[in-house]
Amino acid sequence: MTTTTTTTTTTTTTNKSKRGRPAGVSGGQSPALTPEQVKILLRVTASDPQNGIRNLALLHMCLTGLRVAEPLMLTRQQVTTTDGSVAESFVLGNWTKGKQARRCYLTASARKSLQNWLDIQPNQNPDAKIFDLTPNYAVTLVKQLLRNAGLKECSSHSLRRSAATSLLASGVDVKTIMLVLGHKNLSTTSAYLSRSTTEVQKAVVNNLPW
């Protein structure tokens, strides 16, 4: 008598978001850069004689906490003062991903980098976009810039997460970081923050009173 054994194979299908990530996993999980990695990224990017000035300006803006697509929406008049110099801050409208307007602030290095880019643009029209790039191209461009700097595991979202993590390490409270990133709730912001085991150890050893 011959016994036939039937093996049933079960295939598990993982739901994915439109961007190819597992459903429910935030893009904020892209690894943050260390300060030294940021320096390397900026140095390598600046060495490009063809597009270095433009790319450096874009990176600097993303490193202030902007989403990579947000600088692409801005015009010259939105980011400059009446004398043509780059302003310390500007307002992003409610057409951003978070659907809420927010004021964004630029570091001194970001202002200088953006000024260098605006100064060499042939189109000085106040309504001209400061970056003539599509969102998809900008995401690909930033990823390539990261790869050029040896940061192959990072994505454009790493720059935004780097800003959040650096602010946290400097003692900025989470609610303020939430406003910088333009999030609606703290749970979203928490996905962008990372603490090293050393920092956690210091928090316990140095701050618990008992």
N, C-alpha and C. Protein backbone atom coordinates (compact mmCIF):
# COMPACT_ATOMS: atom_id res chain seq x y z
N MET A 1 0.84 -1.19 0.00
CA MET A 1 0.00 0.00 0.00
C MET A 1 0.88 1.24 0.00
N THR A 2 0.60 2.14 -0.90
CA THR A 2 1.41 3.36 -1.03
C THR A 2 0.70 4.54 -0.39
N THR A 3 1.43 5.24 0.48
CA THR A 3 0.85 6.41 1.15
C THR A 3 1.40 7.68 0.52
N THR A 4 0.51 8.54 0.11
CA THR A 4 0.91 9.79 -0.52
C THR A 4 0.77 10.93 0.47
N THR A 5 1.87 11.64 0.69
CA THR A 5 1.86 12.76 1.63
C THR A 5 1.78 14.07 0.87
N THR A 6 0.83 14.87 1.21
CA THR A 6 0.66 16.17 0.54
C THR A 6 1.17 17.28 1.45
N THR A 7 2.09 18.07 0.92
CA THR A 7 2.66 19.17 1.69
C THR A 7 2.03 20.48 1.26
N THR A 8 1.53 21.18 2.20
CA THR A 8 0.88 22.46 1.91
C THR A 8 1.83 23.59 2.27
N THR A 9 2.09 24.45 1.31
CA THR A 9 2.98 25.59 1.54
C THR A 9 2.17 26.84 1.71
N THR A 10 2.41 27.53 2.80
CA THR A 10 1.70 28.76 3.08
C THR A 10 2.58 29.94 2.74
N THR A 11 2.06 30.83 1.93
CA THR A 11 2.82 32.02 1.54
C THR A 11 2.30 33.22 2.30
N THR A 12 3.22 33.89 2.98
CA THR A 12 2.84 35.08 3.74
C THR A 12 3.12 36.32 2.92
N THR A 13 2.12 37.12 2.75
CA THR A 13 2.27 38.34 1.98
C THR A 13 2.33 39.53 2.91
N THR A 14 3.39 40.32 2.77
CA THR A 14 3.55 41.50 3.60
C THR A 14 2.99 42.71 2.88
N ASN A 15 2.04 43.38 3.51
CA ASN A 15 1.50 44.59 2.92
C ASN A 15 2.55 45.67 2.91
N LYS A 16 2.62 46.40 1.82
CA LYS A 16 3.61 47.45 1.72
C LYS A 16 2.94 48.76 1.36
N SER A 17 3.62 49.84 1.74
CA SER A 17 3.11 51.15 1.41
C SER A 17 3.45 51.47 -0.04
N LYS A 18 3.01 52.62 -0.51
CA LYS A 18 3.25 53.02 -1.89
C LYS A 18 4.74 53.15 -2.18
N ARG A 19 5.54 53.44 -1.14
CA ARG A 19 6.98 53.63 -1.35
C ARG A 19 7.76 52.34 -1.15
N GLY A 20 7.07 51.22 -0.98
CA GLY A 20 7.75 49.94 -0.89
C GLY A 20 8.13 49.52 0.51
N ARG A 21 7.81 50.36 1.52
CA ARG A 21 8.10 49.98 2.89
C ARG A 21 6.96 49.14 3.44
N PRO A 22 7.24 48.26 4.41
CA PRO A 22 6.15 47.53 5.07
C PRO A 22 5.14 48.51 5.64
N ALA A 23 3.88 48.17 5.55
CA ALA A 23 2.84 49.06 6.03
C ALA A 23 3.05 49.37 7.51
N GLY A 24 2.91 50.63 7.86
CA GLY A 24 3.04 51.04 9.25
C GLY A 24 4.46 51.39 9.66
N VAL A 25 5.43 51.22 8.77
CA VAL A 25 6.81 51.54 9.10
C VAL A 25 7.13 52.92 8.56
N SER A 26 7.57 53.80 9.43
CA SER A 26 7.83 55.18 9.03
C SER A 26 9.13 55.32 8.27
N GLY A 27 9.15 56.28 7.32
CA GLY A 27 10.38 56.58 6.61
C GLY A 27 11.42 57.16 7.54
N GLY A 28 10.96 57.63 8.72
CA GLY A 28 11.87 58.17 9.70
C GLY A 28 12.84 57.14 10.25
N GLN A 29 12.66 55.86 9.94
CA GLN A 29 13.55 54.81 10.41
C GLN A 29 14.87 54.79 9.65
N SER A 30 15.01 55.58 8.59
CA SER A 30 16.29 55.70 7.93
C SER A 30 17.30 56.19 8.95
N PRO A 31 18.51 55.63 8.96
CA PRO A 31 19.47 55.97 10.01
C PRO A 31 19.88 57.44 9.98
N ALA A 32 20.00 58.02 11.17
CA ALA A 32 20.49 59.39 11.28
C ALA A 32 22.00 59.42 11.09
N LEU A 33 22.51 60.55 10.65
CA LEU A 33 23.94 60.71 10.46
C LEU A 33 24.56 61.27 11.73
N THR A 34 25.79 60.89 11.99
CA THR A 34 26.54 61.50 13.08
C THR A 34 27.07 62.85 12.59
N PRO A 35 27.45 63.76 13.50
CA PRO A 35 28.03 65.03 13.08
C PRO A 35 29.22 64.86 12.15
N GLU A 36 30.04 63.86 12.41
CA GLU A 36 31.21 63.62 11.54
C GLU A 36 30.78 63.18 10.15
N GLN A 37 29.75 62.34 10.07
CA GLN A 37 29.24 61.92 8.76
C GLN A 37 28.65 63.08 7.99
N VAL A 38 28.00 64.00 8.69
CA VAL A 38 27.45 65.19 8.03
C VAL A 38 28.59 66.02 7.43
N LYS A 39 29.67 66.18 8.17
CA LYS A 39 30.81 66.94 7.67
C LYS A 39 31.38 66.31 6.41
N ILE A 40 31.49 64.97 6.42
CA ILE A 40 32.01 64.27 5.25
C ILE A 40 31.08 64.46 4.06
N LEU A 41 29.77 64.32 4.29
CA LEU A 41 28.78 64.49 3.23
C LEU A 41 28.87 65.87 2.61
N LEU A 42 28.94 66.90 3.42
CA LEU A 42 29.00 68.26 2.90
C LEU A 42 30.31 68.52 2.17
N ARG A 43 31.40 67.97 2.69
CA ARG A 43 32.69 68.17 2.05
C ARG A 43 32.75 67.49 0.69
N VAL A 44 32.26 66.26 0.62
CA VAL A 44 32.27 65.54 -0.67
C VAL A 44 31.34 66.22 -1.67
N THR A 45 30.19 66.67 -1.21
CA THR A 45 29.23 67.33 -2.10
C THR A 45 29.80 68.63 -2.65
N ALA A 46 30.47 69.39 -1.81
CA ALA A 46 31.03 70.69 -2.22
C ALA A 46 32.13 70.54 -3.26
N SER A 47 32.73 69.36 -3.34
CA SER A 47 33.85 69.15 -4.27
C SER A 47 33.41 68.97 -5.71
N ASP A 48 32.11 68.84 -5.94
CA ASP A 48 31.59 68.69 -7.31
C ASP A 48 31.62 70.04 -8.00
N PRO A 49 32.44 70.21 -9.05
CA PRO A 49 32.56 71.52 -9.70
C PRO A 49 31.34 71.92 -10.53
N GLN A 50 30.50 70.96 -10.87
CA GLN A 50 29.36 71.25 -11.73
C GLN A 50 28.10 71.64 -10.94
N ASN A 51 27.70 70.81 -9.98
CA ASN A 51 26.46 71.05 -9.25
C ASN A 51 26.65 71.16 -7.74
N GLY A 52 27.88 71.29 -7.31
CA GLY A 52 28.17 71.31 -5.88
C GLY A 52 27.47 72.41 -5.12
N ILE A 53 27.41 73.61 -5.68
CA ILE A 53 26.79 74.75 -4.99
C ILE A 53 25.30 74.51 -4.79
N ARG A 54 24.64 74.05 -5.85
CA ARG A 54 23.20 73.75 -5.74
C ARG A 54 22.93 72.63 -4.76
N ASN A 55 23.66 71.53 -4.91
CA ASN A 55 23.43 70.36 -4.06
C ASN A 55 23.73 70.65 -2.60
N LEU A 56 24.74 71.48 -2.36
CA LEU A 56 25.09 71.83 -1.00
C LEU A 56 23.96 72.64 -0.35
N ALA A 57 23.36 73.54 -1.11
CA ALA A 57 22.25 74.34 -0.60
C ALA A 57 21.06 73.45 -0.25
N LEU A 58 20.77 72.48 -1.09
CA LEU A 58 19.66 71.57 -0.84
C LEU A 58 19.91 70.73 0.41
N LEU A 59 21.12 70.21 0.55
CA LEU A 59 21.45 69.40 1.72
C LEU A 59 21.33 70.22 3.01
N HIS A 60 21.85 71.44 2.98
CA HIS A 60 21.81 72.29 4.17
C HIS A 60 20.38 72.56 4.60
N MET A 61 19.48 72.75 3.64
CA MET A 61 18.09 73.03 3.99
C MET A 61 17.43 71.79 4.60
N CYS A 62 17.73 70.62 4.05
CA CYS A 62 17.17 69.38 4.59
C CYS A 62 17.73 69.09 5.98
N LEU A 63 18.95 69.52 6.24
CA LEU A 63 19.58 69.29 7.54
C LEU A 63 19.03 70.22 8.62
N THR A 64 18.15 71.15 8.25
CA THR A 64 17.46 71.96 9.25
C THR A 64 16.13 71.33 9.64
N GLY A 65 15.81 70.17 9.05
CA GLY A 65 14.58 69.45 9.40
C GLY A 65 13.53 69.45 8.33
N LEU A 66 13.81 70.05 7.18
CA LEU A 66 12.83 70.06 6.09
C LEU A 66 12.75 68.71 5.40
N ARG A 67 11.56 68.35 4.93
CA ARG A 67 11.42 67.21 4.04
C ARG A 67 12.07 67.56 2.71
N VAL A 68 12.59 66.58 2.01
CA VAL A 68 13.37 66.87 0.80
C VAL A 68 12.54 67.59 -0.25
N ALA A 69 11.22 67.38 -0.28
CA ALA A 69 10.38 68.02 -1.29
C ALA A 69 10.02 69.46 -0.92
N GLU A 70 10.16 69.83 0.34
CA GLU A 70 9.70 71.14 0.77
C GLU A 70 10.50 72.31 0.21
N PRO A 71 11.83 72.25 0.14
CA PRO A 71 12.56 73.36 -0.47
C PRO A 71 12.20 73.57 -1.95
N LEU A 72 11.74 72.51 -2.60
CA LEU A 72 11.42 72.59 -4.03
C LEU A 72 10.18 73.44 -4.27
N MET A 73 9.37 73.65 -3.24
CA MET A 73 8.14 74.42 -3.38
C MET A 73 8.37 75.92 -3.21
N LEU A 74 9.54 76.29 -2.73
CA LEU A 74 9.80 77.67 -2.36
C LEU A 74 10.28 78.52 -3.53
N THR A 75 9.87 79.79 -3.53
CA THR A 75 10.34 80.74 -4.54
C THR A 75 11.38 81.66 -3.91
N ARG A 76 12.07 82.40 -4.76
CA ARG A 76 13.11 83.31 -4.28
C ARG A 76 12.56 84.33 -3.28
N GLN A 77 11.41 84.89 -3.59
CA GLN A 77 10.87 85.93 -2.71
C GLN A 77 10.43 85.40 -1.35
N GLN A 78 10.15 84.10 -1.26
CA GLN A 78 9.74 83.52 0.01
C GLN A 78 10.90 83.35 0.99
N VAL A 79 12.11 83.27 0.46
CA VAL A 79 13.27 82.99 1.33
C VAL A 79 14.25 84.15 1.42
N THR A 80 13.93 85.30 0.78
CA THR A 80 14.85 86.43 0.81
C THR A 80 14.18 87.67 1.38
N THR A 81 14.99 88.59 1.84
CA THR A 81 14.51 89.87 2.34
C THR A 81 14.43 90.85 1.17
N THR A 82 14.06 92.10 1.46
CA THR A 82 13.90 93.09 0.39
C THR A 82 15.21 93.42 -0.32
N ASP A 83 16.33 93.23 0.35
CA ASP A 83 17.62 93.51 -0.30
C ASP A 83 18.20 92.30 -1.01
N GLY A 84 17.44 91.19 -1.05
CA GLY A 84 17.88 90.01 -1.79
C GLY A 84 18.69 89.01 -1.00
N SER A 85 18.94 89.30 0.26
CA SER A 85 19.70 88.36 1.07
C SER A 85 18.77 87.30 1.66
N VAL A 86 19.32 86.14 1.95
CA VAL A 86 18.52 85.04 2.48
C VAL A 86 18.05 85.38 3.90
N ALA A 87 16.77 85.19 4.13
CA ALA A 87 16.17 85.50 5.43
C ALA A 87 16.53 84.44 6.47
N GLU A 88 16.40 84.81 7.74
CA GLU A 88 16.67 83.88 8.81
C GLU A 88 15.58 82.82 8.92
N SER A 89 14.38 83.14 8.45
CA SER A 89 13.28 82.19 8.51
C SER A 89 12.30 82.45 7.37
N PHE A 90 11.44 81.50 7.12
CA PHE A 90 10.42 81.63 6.08
C PHE A 90 9.25 80.76 6.48
N VAL A 91 8.13 80.96 5.80
CA VAL A 91 6.92 80.21 6.13
C VAL A 91 6.60 79.21 5.03
N LEU A 92 6.40 77.97 5.43
CA LEU A 92 5.91 76.94 4.52
C LEU A 92 4.39 76.90 4.66
N GLY A 93 3.69 76.90 3.54
CA GLY A 93 2.24 76.90 3.59
C GLY A 93 1.66 75.55 3.98
N ASN A 94 0.35 75.48 4.03
CA ASN A 94 -0.32 74.24 4.43
C ASN A 94 -0.42 73.23 3.31
N TRP A 95 0.38 73.45 2.24
CA TRP A 95 0.40 72.49 1.14
C TRP A 95 1.49 71.44 1.35
N THR A 96 2.13 71.46 2.51
CA THR A 96 3.15 70.46 2.79
C THR A 96 2.49 69.14 3.20
N LYS A 97 3.31 68.11 3.40
CA LYS A 97 2.79 66.79 3.75
C LYS A 97 1.96 66.84 5.03
N GLY A 98 2.38 67.64 5.98
CA GLY A 98 1.67 67.72 7.25
C GLY A 98 0.39 68.52 7.18
N LYS A 99 0.14 69.17 6.05
CA LYS A 99 -1.10 69.94 5.84
C LYS A 99 -1.28 71.06 6.86
N GLN A 100 -0.17 71.59 7.36
CA GLN A 100 -0.27 72.72 8.25
C GLN A 100 0.92 73.65 8.02
N ALA A 101 0.63 74.94 8.03
CA ALA A 101 1.69 75.92 7.81
C ALA A 101 2.63 75.95 9.01
N ARG A 102 3.90 76.24 8.76
CA ARG A 102 4.85 76.37 9.86
C ARG A 102 5.99 77.30 9.44
N ARG A 103 6.56 77.95 10.41
CA ARG A 103 7.72 78.79 10.16
C ARG A 103 8.98 77.95 10.31
N CYS A 104 9.88 78.05 9.35
CA CYS A 104 11.11 77.29 9.35
C CYS A 104 12.30 78.23 9.50
N TYR A 105 13.30 77.78 10.21
CA TYR A 105 14.47 78.60 10.51
C TYR A 105 15.72 77.99 9.89
N LEU A 106 16.60 78.86 9.41
CA LEU A 106 17.83 78.41 8.77
C LEU A 106 19.03 78.70 9.66
N THR A 107 19.97 77.78 9.69
CA THR A 107 21.22 78.01 10.38
C THR A 107 22.07 78.98 9.57
N ALA A 108 23.10 79.52 10.17
CA ALA A 108 23.99 80.45 9.46
C ALA A 108 24.63 79.78 8.25
N SER A 109 25.03 78.52 8.41
CA SER A 109 25.67 77.81 7.29
C SER A 109 24.66 77.53 6.18
N ALA A 110 23.41 77.25 6.54
CA ALA A 110 22.38 77.02 5.53
C ALA A 110 22.08 78.30 4.76
N ARG A 111 22.03 79.41 5.46
CA ARG A 111 21.79 80.70 4.81
C ARG A 111 22.92 81.05 3.84
N LYS A 112 24.14 80.82 4.27
CA LYS A 112 25.29 81.11 3.42
C LYS A 112 25.28 80.23 2.18
N SER A 113 24.99 78.96 2.37
CA SER A 113 24.97 78.01 1.26
C SER A 113 23.87 78.36 0.27
N LEU A 114 22.69 78.70 0.78
CA LEU A 114 21.58 79.06 -0.09
C LEU A 114 21.87 80.38 -0.82
N GLN A 115 22.50 81.32 -0.13
CA GLN A 115 22.85 82.60 -0.75
C GLN A 115 23.81 82.38 -1.91
N ASN A 116 24.80 81.51 -1.72
CA ASN A 116 25.75 81.20 -2.79
C ASN A 116 25.04 80.66 -4.02
N TRP A 117 24.00 79.84 -3.78
CA TRP A 117 23.25 79.25 -4.88
C TRP A 117 22.38 80.30 -5.58
N LEU A 118 21.69 81.11 -4.81
CA LEU A 118 20.82 82.12 -5.40
C LEU A 118 21.62 83.16 -6.20
N ASP A 119 22.82 83.46 -5.75
CA ASP A 119 23.64 84.47 -6.41
C ASP A 119 24.05 84.08 -7.82
N ILE A 120 24.13 82.78 -8.10
CA ILE A 120 24.58 82.36 -9.43
C ILE A 120 23.44 81.88 -10.33
N GLN A 121 22.22 81.94 -9.80
CA GLN A 121 21.09 81.53 -10.63
C GLN A 121 20.84 82.57 -11.72
N PRO A 122 20.66 82.11 -12.97
CA PRO A 122 20.40 83.06 -14.07
C PRO A 122 19.03 83.72 -13.97
N ASN A 123 18.06 83.01 -13.41
CA ASN A 123 16.71 83.54 -13.28
C ASN A 123 16.55 84.23 -11.93
N GLN A 124 16.57 85.56 -11.96
CA GLN A 124 16.47 86.34 -10.73
C GLN A 124 15.03 86.79 -10.45
N ASN A 125 14.07 86.22 -11.16
CA ASN A 125 12.67 86.56 -10.96
C ASN A 125 12.24 86.19 -9.54
N PRO A 126 11.55 87.09 -8.83
CA PRO A 126 11.12 86.80 -7.46
C PRO A 126 10.23 85.55 -7.36
N ASP A 127 9.51 85.24 -8.43
CA ASP A 127 8.61 84.09 -8.42
C ASP A 127 9.28 82.80 -8.86
N ALA A 128 10.56 82.86 -9.20
CA ALA A 128 11.28 81.67 -9.66
C ALA A 128 11.53 80.72 -8.49
N LYS A 129 11.35 79.43 -8.73
CA LYS A 129 11.63 78.43 -7.71
C LYS A 129 13.13 78.41 -7.42
N ILE A 130 13.49 78.22 -6.18
CA ILE A 130 14.91 78.24 -5.83
C ILE A 130 15.62 76.96 -6.28
N PHE A 131 14.86 75.89 -6.48
CA PHE A 131 15.43 74.65 -7.03
C PHE A 131 14.52 74.15 -8.15
N ASP A 132 15.07 74.03 -9.33
CA ASP A 132 14.29 73.55 -10.47
C ASP A 132 14.42 72.03 -10.55
N LEU A 133 13.89 71.36 -9.54
CA LEU A 133 13.99 69.91 -9.44
C LEU A 133 12.62 69.32 -9.13
N THR A 134 12.36 68.11 -9.60
CA THR A 134 11.13 67.41 -9.23
C THR A 134 11.39 66.65 -7.93
N PRO A 135 10.36 66.37 -7.15
CA PRO A 135 10.56 65.63 -5.90
C PRO A 135 11.24 64.28 -6.08
N ASN A 136 10.83 63.53 -7.09
CA ASN A 136 11.44 62.21 -7.32
C ASN A 136 12.92 62.33 -7.64
N TYR A 137 13.25 63.34 -8.46
CA TYR A 137 14.66 63.53 -8.82
C TYR A 137 15.47 63.95 -7.59
N ALA A 138 14.88 64.81 -6.76
CA ALA A 138 15.59 65.28 -5.57
C ALA A 138 15.87 64.13 -4.61
N VAL A 139 14.91 63.23 -4.43
CA VAL A 139 15.10 62.07 -3.56
C VAL A 139 16.25 61.20 -4.08
N THR A 140 16.24 60.96 -5.39
CA THR A 140 17.30 60.15 -6.01
C THR A 140 18.65 60.85 -5.91
N LEU A 141 18.64 62.17 -6.13
CA LEU A 141 19.87 62.95 -6.06
C LEU A 141 20.49 62.89 -4.68
N VAL A 142 19.69 63.12 -3.65
CA VAL A 142 20.22 63.11 -2.29
C VAL A 142 20.75 61.73 -1.92
N LYS A 143 20.06 60.70 -2.34
CA LYS A 143 20.54 59.34 -2.06
C LYS A 143 21.89 59.10 -2.72
N GLN A 144 22.07 59.62 -3.93
CA GLN A 144 23.35 59.46 -4.62
C GLN A 144 24.45 60.25 -3.92
N LEU A 145 24.12 61.45 -3.43
CA LEU A 145 25.09 62.25 -2.70
C LEU A 145 25.54 61.52 -1.43
N LEU A 146 24.59 60.87 -0.77
CA LEU A 146 24.93 60.08 0.42
C LEU A 146 25.83 58.90 0.06
N ARG A 147 25.53 58.25 -1.04
CA ARG A 147 26.37 57.13 -1.49
C ARG A 147 27.77 57.62 -1.84
N ASN A 148 27.86 58.79 -2.46
CA ASN A 148 29.17 59.35 -2.80
C ASN A 148 30.03 59.55 -1.55
N ALA A 149 29.35 59.80 -0.43
CA ALA A 149 30.06 60.03 0.83
C ALA A 149 30.24 58.73 1.62
N GLY A 150 29.88 57.60 1.01
CA GLY A 150 30.04 56.31 1.66
C GLY A 150 28.91 55.93 2.59
N LEU A 151 27.79 56.66 2.52
CA LEU A 151 26.65 56.41 3.41
C LEU A 151 25.56 55.67 2.64
N LYS A 152 25.84 54.43 2.31
CA LYS A 152 24.98 53.67 1.42
C LYS A 152 23.66 53.23 2.05
N GLU A 153 23.59 53.17 3.37
CA GLU A 153 22.38 52.72 4.04
C GLU A 153 21.40 53.86 4.32
N CYS A 154 21.81 55.07 3.99
CA CYS A 154 20.99 56.24 4.30
C CYS A 154 20.14 56.67 3.10
N SER A 155 19.10 57.45 3.40
CA SER A 155 18.22 57.99 2.37
C SER A 155 18.04 59.47 2.63
N SER A 156 17.26 60.13 1.78
CA SER A 156 17.02 61.56 1.97
C SER A 156 16.38 61.84 3.32
N HIS A 157 15.63 60.88 3.84
CA HIS A 157 14.98 61.06 5.13
C HIS A 157 15.99 61.06 6.27
N SER A 158 17.19 60.54 6.02
CA SER A 158 18.22 60.52 7.06
C SER A 158 18.62 61.93 7.46
N LEU A 159 18.56 62.87 6.52
CA LEU A 159 18.95 64.25 6.83
C LEU A 159 17.97 64.86 7.82
N ARG A 160 16.70 64.64 7.60
CA ARG A 160 15.66 65.15 8.49
C ARG A 160 15.76 64.50 9.86
N ARG A 161 16.04 63.21 9.87
CA ARG A 161 16.18 62.51 11.15
C ARG A 161 17.45 62.96 11.87
N SER A 162 18.49 63.29 11.10
CA SER A 162 19.73 63.79 11.71
C SER A 162 19.49 65.09 12.44
N ALA A 163 18.68 65.97 11.83
CA ALA A 163 18.36 67.25 12.47
C ALA A 163 17.64 67.01 13.78
N ALA A 164 16.65 66.11 13.77
CA ALA A 164 15.87 65.84 14.97
C ALA A 164 16.73 65.23 16.07
N THR A 165 17.56 64.28 15.72
CA THR A 165 18.41 63.60 16.70
C THR A 165 19.45 64.54 17.29
N SER A 166 20.00 65.42 16.44
CA SER A 166 20.99 66.38 16.91
C SER A 166 20.36 67.39 17.88
N LEU A 167 19.14 67.82 17.58
CA LEU A 167 18.43 68.75 18.47
C LEU A 167 18.18 68.08 19.83
N LEU A 168 17.77 66.82 19.79
CA LEU A 168 17.50 66.08 21.03
C LEU A 168 18.77 65.95 21.86
N ALA A 169 19.88 65.62 21.19
CA ALA A 169 21.15 65.47 21.89
C ALA A 169 21.63 66.78 22.51
N SER A 170 21.18 67.90 21.94
CA SER A 170 21.56 69.21 22.45
C SER A 170 20.65 69.69 23.58
N GLY A 171 19.66 68.87 23.93
CA GLY A 171 18.80 69.21 25.03
C GLY A 171 17.49 69.87 24.66
N VAL A 172 17.19 69.95 23.36
CA VAL A 172 15.92 70.53 22.92
C VAL A 172 14.78 69.57 23.25
N ASP A 173 13.70 70.08 23.81
CA ASP A 173 12.60 69.20 24.20
C ASP A 173 11.85 68.67 22.98
N VAL A 174 11.19 67.54 23.16
CA VAL A 174 10.55 66.83 22.05
C VAL A 174 9.43 67.65 21.42
N LYS A 175 8.71 68.42 22.22
CA LYS A 175 7.61 69.21 21.66
C LYS A 175 8.13 70.28 20.70
N THR A 176 9.28 70.86 21.02
CA THR A 176 9.89 71.84 20.11
C THR A 176 10.35 71.17 18.83
N ILE A 177 10.95 69.99 18.98
CA ILE A 177 11.38 69.24 17.79
C ILE A 177 10.18 68.89 16.92
N MET A 178 9.07 68.59 17.54
CA MET A 178 7.84 68.30 16.79
C MET A 178 7.45 69.49 15.93
N LEU A 179 7.57 70.70 16.45
CA LEU A 179 7.24 71.90 15.70
C LEU A 179 8.24 72.13 14.57
N VAL A 180 9.51 71.84 14.82
CA VAL A 180 10.54 72.00 13.78
C VAL A 180 10.24 71.09 12.60
N LEU A 181 9.84 69.86 12.89
CA LEU A 181 9.58 68.88 11.84
C LEU A 181 8.21 69.05 11.19
N GLY A 182 7.32 69.78 11.85
CA GLY A 182 5.98 69.96 11.30
C GLY A 182 5.08 68.77 11.51
N HIS A 183 5.30 68.03 12.60
CA HIS A 183 4.46 66.89 12.92
C HIS A 183 3.22 67.33 13.70
N LYS A 184 2.19 66.52 13.63
CA LYS A 184 0.95 66.81 14.35
C LYS A 184 0.92 66.19 15.74
N ASN A 185 1.73 65.14 15.95
CA ASN A 185 1.71 64.49 17.26
C ASN A 185 3.10 63.98 17.62
N LEU A 186 3.30 63.76 18.89
CA LEU A 186 4.61 63.36 19.40
C LEU A 186 5.01 61.95 18.99
N SER A 187 4.03 61.08 18.77
CA SER A 187 4.35 59.70 18.41
C SER A 187 5.07 59.65 17.06
N THR A 188 4.69 60.55 16.16
CA THR A 188 5.38 60.61 14.86
C THR A 188 6.81 61.10 15.06
N THR A 189 6.97 62.12 15.87
CA THR A 189 8.30 62.69 16.12
C THR A 189 9.23 61.66 16.74
N SER A 190 8.70 60.82 17.63
CA SER A 190 9.54 59.85 18.33
C SER A 190 10.22 58.88 17.38
N ALA A 191 9.62 58.64 16.22
CA ALA A 191 10.21 57.73 15.24
C ALA A 191 11.48 58.31 14.62
N TYR A 192 11.66 59.61 14.75
CA TYR A 192 12.81 60.28 14.15
C TYR A 192 13.98 60.40 15.12
N LEU A 193 13.77 60.05 16.37
CA LEU A 193 14.76 60.29 17.40
C LEU A 193 15.48 59.02 17.78
N SER A 194 16.76 59.13 18.02
CA SER A 194 17.53 57.96 18.45
C SER A 194 18.49 58.37 19.55
N ARG A 195 18.65 57.50 20.50
CA ARG A 195 19.58 57.72 21.60
C ARG A 195 20.57 56.56 21.66
N SER A 196 21.83 56.87 21.87
CA SER A 196 22.83 55.82 22.03
C SER A 196 22.71 55.22 23.42
N THR A 197 23.27 54.02 23.60
CA THR A 197 23.22 53.38 24.92
C THR A 197 23.99 54.22 25.94
N THR A 198 25.02 54.91 25.51
CA THR A 198 25.80 55.76 26.41
C THR A 198 24.95 56.91 26.94
N GLU A 199 24.15 57.50 26.04
CA GLU A 199 23.30 58.62 26.45
C GLU A 199 22.22 58.15 27.42
N VAL A 200 21.69 56.95 27.17
CA VAL A 200 20.68 56.41 28.08
C VAL A 200 21.30 56.15 29.45
N GLN A 201 22.51 55.60 29.46
CA GLN A 201 23.19 55.34 30.73
C GLN A 201 23.41 56.63 31.51
N LYS A 202 23.87 57.69 30.82
CA LYS A 202 24.11 58.97 31.48
C LYS A 202 22.82 59.55 32.05
N ALA A 203 21.72 59.37 31.30
CA ALA A 203 20.44 59.90 31.75
C ALA A 203 20.03 59.29 33.09
N VAL A 204 20.25 57.99 33.22
CA VAL A 204 19.89 57.29 34.45
C VAL A 204 20.84 57.63 35.59
N VAL A 205 22.14 57.51 35.33
CA VAL A 205 23.17 57.69 36.36
C VAL A 205 23.20 59.12 36.87
N ASN A 206 23.03 60.09 35.99
CA ASN A 206 23.23 61.49 36.35
C ASN A 206 21.95 62.22 36.80
N ASN A 207 20.79 61.65 36.53
CA ASN A 207 19.56 62.41 36.76
C ASN A 207 18.59 61.82 37.78
N LEU A 208 18.71 60.53 38.06
CA LEU A 208 17.80 59.96 39.06
C LEU A 208 18.31 60.30 40.47
N PRO A 209 17.45 60.88 41.31
CA PRO A 209 17.90 61.39 42.61
C PRO A 209 18.03 60.34 43.70
N TRP A 210 17.75 59.09 43.41
CA TRP A 210 17.81 58.08 44.48
C TRP A 210 18.89 57.03 44.22
